[in-house]
């Protein structure tokens, strides 16, 4: 089996609040299972010139997203091809927003997204910040930390990643958090997301490997430390 190839989009501009920890989680959980892997990154001006098994994009400051949004349009066709093959994608905060249809900034300008998710985001004057706990039909309880003023609205055809138990989520009103479309996840959960929620890490890895080996199942790991971290995070006040 060839190595699982991870593509990290714009790590120099879109990696705040511990987002790089998501890459570390994927790599370590593959290493512990002796799954061969490769890490690749793509920055503004680079070419998306090969196929990957996992795509990841983190969050960034609103001003920095302008240049990223422009370059992301050039990568859109390749990312849609990846998505349509049911390969896994994880996007956090600003990445999640730019994988939607568009983002309306505070000065009412429109940043185009690439439309992986049928979702729109609008800047607000409300800072949605704090610890967050959600209930996901797919993964059970998930924990993280959110810090955003963009309010995201899903279309009626998109399924949220989960329902908010504690925190804000996509916006201050819907009580939905994130989106799950095919094997693509968008979420506002920073902090970082995957080390606190290894069930999602393993889902992403397993789906990536199954592109090559459809019957593949991950070996179990001792997640006692991860469970302790999860339980501690789950009990934190908002």
Protein backbone atom coordinates (compact mmCIF):
# COMPACT_ATOMS: atom_id res chain seq x y z
CA UNK A 1 0.00 0.00 0.00
CA UNK A 2 1.40 3.40 -0.95
CA UNK A 3 1.77 6.11 1.71
CA UNK A 4 -1.28 8.15 2.77
CA UNK A 5 -0.63 11.65 1.46
CA UNK A 6 -1.78 14.63 3.54
CA UNK A 7 -2.09 18.08 1.98
CA UNK A 8 -2.01 21.03 4.41
CA UNK A 9 -3.39 24.15 2.72
CA UNK A 10 -1.73 27.50 3.56
CA UNK A 11 -0.08 26.51 6.87
CA UNK A 12 1.85 29.80 6.87
CA UNK A 13 -1.36 31.86 6.90
CA UNK A 14 -4.14 29.59 8.16
CA UNK A 15 -3.02 27.93 11.38
CA UNK A 16 -4.13 29.61 14.61
CA UNK A 17 -5.35 28.40 18.03
CA UNK A 18 -3.42 25.14 17.79
CA UNK A 19 -4.64 24.09 14.34
CA UNK A 20 -1.32 22.46 13.44
CA UNK A 21 -2.04 19.97 16.21
CA UNK A 22 -4.57 18.38 13.87
CA UNK A 23 -1.76 17.43 11.50
CA UNK A 24 0.29 16.08 14.41
CA UNK A 25 -2.66 13.95 15.53
CA UNK A 26 -3.14 12.41 12.08
CA UNK A 27 0.57 11.70 11.66
CA UNK A 28 1.12 10.22 15.13
CA UNK A 29 -1.96 7.99 14.95
CA UNK A 30 -0.74 6.65 11.62
CA UNK A 31 2.79 6.15 12.96
CA UNK A 32 1.47 4.20 15.95
CA UNK A 33 -0.26 1.86 13.49
CA UNK A 34 2.71 1.64 11.10
CA UNK A 35 0.72 3.30 8.31
CA UNK A 36 3.09 4.93 5.85
CA UNK A 37 2.34 8.59 5.21
CA UNK A 38 3.62 11.77 3.58
CA UNK A 39 3.07 15.37 4.62
CA UNK A 40 2.76 18.04 1.93
CA UNK A 41 1.92 21.73 2.18
CA UNK A 42 0.60 24.24 -0.33
CA UNK A 43 1.04 28.00 -0.01
CA UNK A 44 0.00 30.95 -2.17
CA UNK A 45 1.46 30.56 -5.65
CA UNK A 46 2.13 26.82 -5.37
CA UNK A 47 0.69 24.30 -7.83
CA UNK A 48 -1.73 21.55 -6.79
CA UNK A 49 -0.02 19.06 -9.10
CA UNK A 50 -0.74 15.62 -7.62
CA UNK A 51 -3.45 13.61 -5.88
CA UNK A 52 -3.77 13.49 -2.10
CA UNK A 53 -5.70 11.32 0.35
CA UNK A 54 -6.45 13.91 3.07
CA UNK A 55 -6.85 17.68 2.75
CA UNK A 56 -6.63 19.94 5.79
CA UNK A 57 -7.04 23.71 6.16
CA UNK A 58 -7.01 25.64 9.42
CA UNK A 59 -8.20 29.06 10.51
CA UNK A 60 -6.67 32.51 10.07
CA UNK A 61 -7.20 36.19 10.58
CA UNK A 62 -9.88 37.82 8.40
CA UNK A 63 -7.41 40.15 6.62
CA UNK A 64 -5.13 37.27 5.70
CA UNK A 65 -8.03 35.34 4.25
CA UNK A 66 -8.37 37.81 1.35
CA UNK A 67 -5.18 36.58 -0.33
CA UNK A 68 -5.86 32.97 0.56
CA UNK A 69 -9.37 33.20 -0.92
CA UNK A 70 -7.94 34.42 -4.22
CA UNK A 71 -5.41 31.61 -4.46
CA UNK A 72 -7.93 28.99 -3.29
CA UNK A 73 -10.02 29.70 -6.39
CA UNK A 74 -7.11 28.41 -8.47
CA UNK A 75 -7.15 25.13 -6.51
CA UNK A 76 -10.93 24.72 -6.57
CA UNK A 77 -11.19 22.17 -9.39
CA UNK A 78 -8.65 19.82 -7.79
CA UNK A 79 -10.31 20.11 -4.38
CA UNK A 80 -13.74 19.37 -5.87
CA UNK A 81 -12.29 16.32 -7.60
CA UNK A 82 -10.92 15.12 -4.24
CA UNK A 83 -14.29 15.78 -2.55
CA UNK A 84 -16.28 13.96 -5.25
CA UNK A 85 -14.10 10.87 -4.77
CA UNK A 86 -15.25 10.80 -1.10
CA UNK A 87 -11.74 11.49 0.13
CA UNK A 88 -11.60 13.11 3.58
CA UNK A 89 -11.32 16.86 4.13
CA UNK A 90 -11.08 18.74 7.43
CA UNK A 91 -11.48 22.52 7.52
CA UNK A 92 -11.39 24.65 10.66
CA UNK A 93 -12.91 28.13 11.14
CA UNK A 94 -11.58 30.35 8.32
CA UNK A 95 -10.92 27.27 6.21
CA UNK A 96 -14.50 26.13 6.82
CA UNK A 97 -15.78 29.56 5.77
CA UNK A 98 -13.77 29.61 2.52
CA UNK A 99 -14.94 26.11 1.61
CA UNK A 100 -18.48 27.53 1.62
CA UNK A 101 -20.06 29.64 -1.12
CA UNK A 102 -18.91 33.06 0.09
CA UNK A 103 -18.01 35.18 3.12
CA UNK A 104 -19.38 38.71 3.60
CA UNK A 105 -16.77 40.73 5.49
CA UNK A 106 -17.39 43.52 8.00
CA UNK A 107 -17.01 46.14 5.23
CA UNK A 108 -19.67 44.25 3.19
CA UNK A 109 -17.26 43.03 0.55
CA UNK A 110 -17.71 39.46 -0.65
CA UNK A 111 -14.93 36.89 -0.46
CA UNK A 112 -15.74 34.04 -2.85
CA UNK A 113 -15.52 30.52 -1.49
CA UNK A 114 -15.10 27.33 -3.49
CA UNK A 115 -18.52 25.86 -2.74
CA UNK A 116 -17.58 22.49 -1.28
CA UNK A 117 -20.17 23.26 1.40
CA UNK A 118 -23.51 24.89 0.57
CA UNK A 119 -23.04 27.50 3.27
CA UNK A 120 -22.58 31.27 3.53
CA UNK A 121 -20.86 33.26 6.26
CA UNK A 122 -21.40 36.88 7.27
CA UNK A 123 -19.26 38.94 9.62
CA UNK A 124 -21.09 40.11 12.75
CA UNK A 125 -20.37 42.30 15.76
CA UNK A 126 -20.77 39.30 18.07
CA UNK A 127 -17.60 37.55 19.20
CA UNK A 128 -18.48 33.87 19.66
CA UNK A 129 -15.74 32.64 21.94
CA UNK A 130 -15.28 29.95 24.56
CA UNK A 131 -15.27 26.23 25.15
CA UNK A 132 -17.80 24.31 23.11
CA UNK A 133 -19.44 20.90 23.42
CA UNK A 134 -21.55 19.39 20.66
CA UNK A 135 -23.48 16.16 20.09
CA UNK A 136 -22.78 14.59 16.70
CA UNK A 137 -24.92 11.80 15.24
CA UNK A 138 -21.77 10.47 13.57
CA UNK A 139 -19.18 10.81 16.32
CA UNK A 140 -20.97 11.34 19.66
CA UNK A 141 -19.81 14.17 21.94
CA UNK A 142 -17.08 16.43 20.51
CA UNK A 143 -15.22 19.20 22.34
CA UNK A 144 -13.21 22.22 21.28
CA UNK A 145 -12.64 25.94 21.58
CA UNK A 146 -14.29 28.49 19.28
CA UNK A 147 -13.33 32.09 18.58
CA UNK A 148 -15.07 33.69 15.61
CA UNK A 149 -17.36 36.56 14.69
CA UNK A 150 -18.48 35.07 11.38
CA UNK A 151 -21.98 33.60 11.43
CA UNK A 152 -22.37 30.63 9.09
CA UNK A 153 -25.71 29.51 7.70
CA UNK A 154 -26.11 26.08 6.10
CA UNK A 155 -28.54 25.45 3.28
CA UNK A 156 -31.43 23.11 3.96
CA UNK A 157 -29.64 20.26 2.20
CA UNK A 158 -26.48 20.34 4.32
CA UNK A 159 -26.19 18.37 7.55
CA UNK A 160 -24.45 19.97 10.54
CA UNK A 161 -21.58 18.17 12.21
CA UNK A 162 -23.56 18.30 15.44
CA UNK A 163 -25.97 20.08 17.76
CA UNK A 164 -24.62 22.58 20.28
CA UNK A 165 -24.87 21.59 23.93
CA UNK A 166 -22.59 24.35 25.21
CA UNK A 167 -21.28 27.28 23.18
CA UNK A 168 -22.38 28.99 19.97
CA UNK A 169 -21.48 26.92 16.92
CA UNK A 170 -22.25 28.12 13.38
CA UNK A 171 -24.09 31.20 14.62
CA UNK A 172 -25.80 32.58 17.70
CA UNK A 173 -29.26 31.24 16.79
CA UNK A 174 -29.30 27.88 15.01
CA UNK A 175 -27.70 25.66 17.70
CA UNK A 176 -25.96 23.79 14.86
CA UNK A 177 -22.20 23.38 14.64
CA UNK A 178 -20.14 22.72 11.57
CA UNK A 179 -21.05 20.65 8.55
CA UNK A 180 -20.53 17.05 7.42
CA UNK A 181 -20.84 16.50 3.68
CA UNK A 182 -19.66 13.18 2.21
CA UNK A 183 -16.29 12.80 3.97
CA UNK A 184 -15.68 16.54 4.29
CA UNK A 185 -15.93 18.23 7.70
CA UNK A 186 -16.14 21.94 8.41
CA UNK A 187 -16.11 23.14 12.01
CA UNK A 188 -15.33 26.08 14.30
CA UNK A 189 -13.72 23.76 16.87
CA UNK A 190 -10.12 24.83 17.46
CA UNK A 191 -7.94 23.96 20.35
CA UNK A 192 -6.84 21.75 18.55
CA UNK A 193 -9.74 19.62 17.37
CA UNK A 194 -8.35 16.18 16.52
CA UNK A 195 -6.12 15.49 19.58
CA UNK A 196 -9.17 16.10 21.80
CA UNK A 197 -11.43 14.02 19.56
CA UNK A 198 -9.46 10.96 18.38
CA UNK A 199 -12.63 9.33 17.05
CA UNK A 200 -12.61 11.92 14.27
CA UNK A 201 -8.88 11.46 13.62
CA UNK A 202 -9.40 7.75 13.18
CA UNK A 203 -12.41 8.25 10.92
CA UNK A 204 -10.37 10.51 8.63
CA UNK A 205 -7.45 8.07 8.53
CA UNK A 206 -9.67 5.05 7.92
CA UNK A 207 -11.55 6.75 5.07
CA UNK A 208 -8.26 7.77 3.47
CA UNK A 209 -6.81 4.26 3.63
CA UNK A 210 -10.01 2.72 2.31
CA UNK A 211 -9.52 4.52 -0.99
CA UNK A 212 -6.75 1.95 -1.55
CA UNK A 213 -8.04 -0.93 0.62
CA UNK A 214 -11.86 -0.84 0.87
CA UNK A 215 -12.07 -3.45 3.66
CA UNK A 216 -9.38 -1.86 5.84
CA UNK A 217 -10.06 -1.43 9.57
CA UNK A 218 -7.83 0.48 11.97
CA UNK A 219 -6.09 -1.31 14.83
CA UNK A 220 -7.27 -0.17 18.26
CA UNK A 221 -5.01 2.19 20.22
CA UNK A 222 -4.73 2.86 23.94
CA UNK A 223 -6.54 6.19 24.13
CA UNK A 224 -6.61 6.47 27.93
CA UNK A 225 -4.69 9.77 27.93
CA UNK A 226 -6.83 11.14 25.11
CA UNK A 227 -9.94 10.18 27.07
CA UNK A 228 -8.65 12.01 30.15
CA UNK A 229 -8.03 15.14 28.07
CA UNK A 230 -11.47 14.83 26.47
CA UNK A 231 -13.23 14.40 29.82
CA UNK A 232 -11.41 17.40 31.29
CA UNK A 233 -12.30 19.57 28.29
CA UNK A 234 -15.92 18.41 28.40
CA UNK A 235 -16.29 19.64 31.99
CA UNK A 236 -14.89 23.10 31.37
CA UNK A 237 -17.39 25.95 31.59
CA UNK A 238 -18.15 27.90 28.45
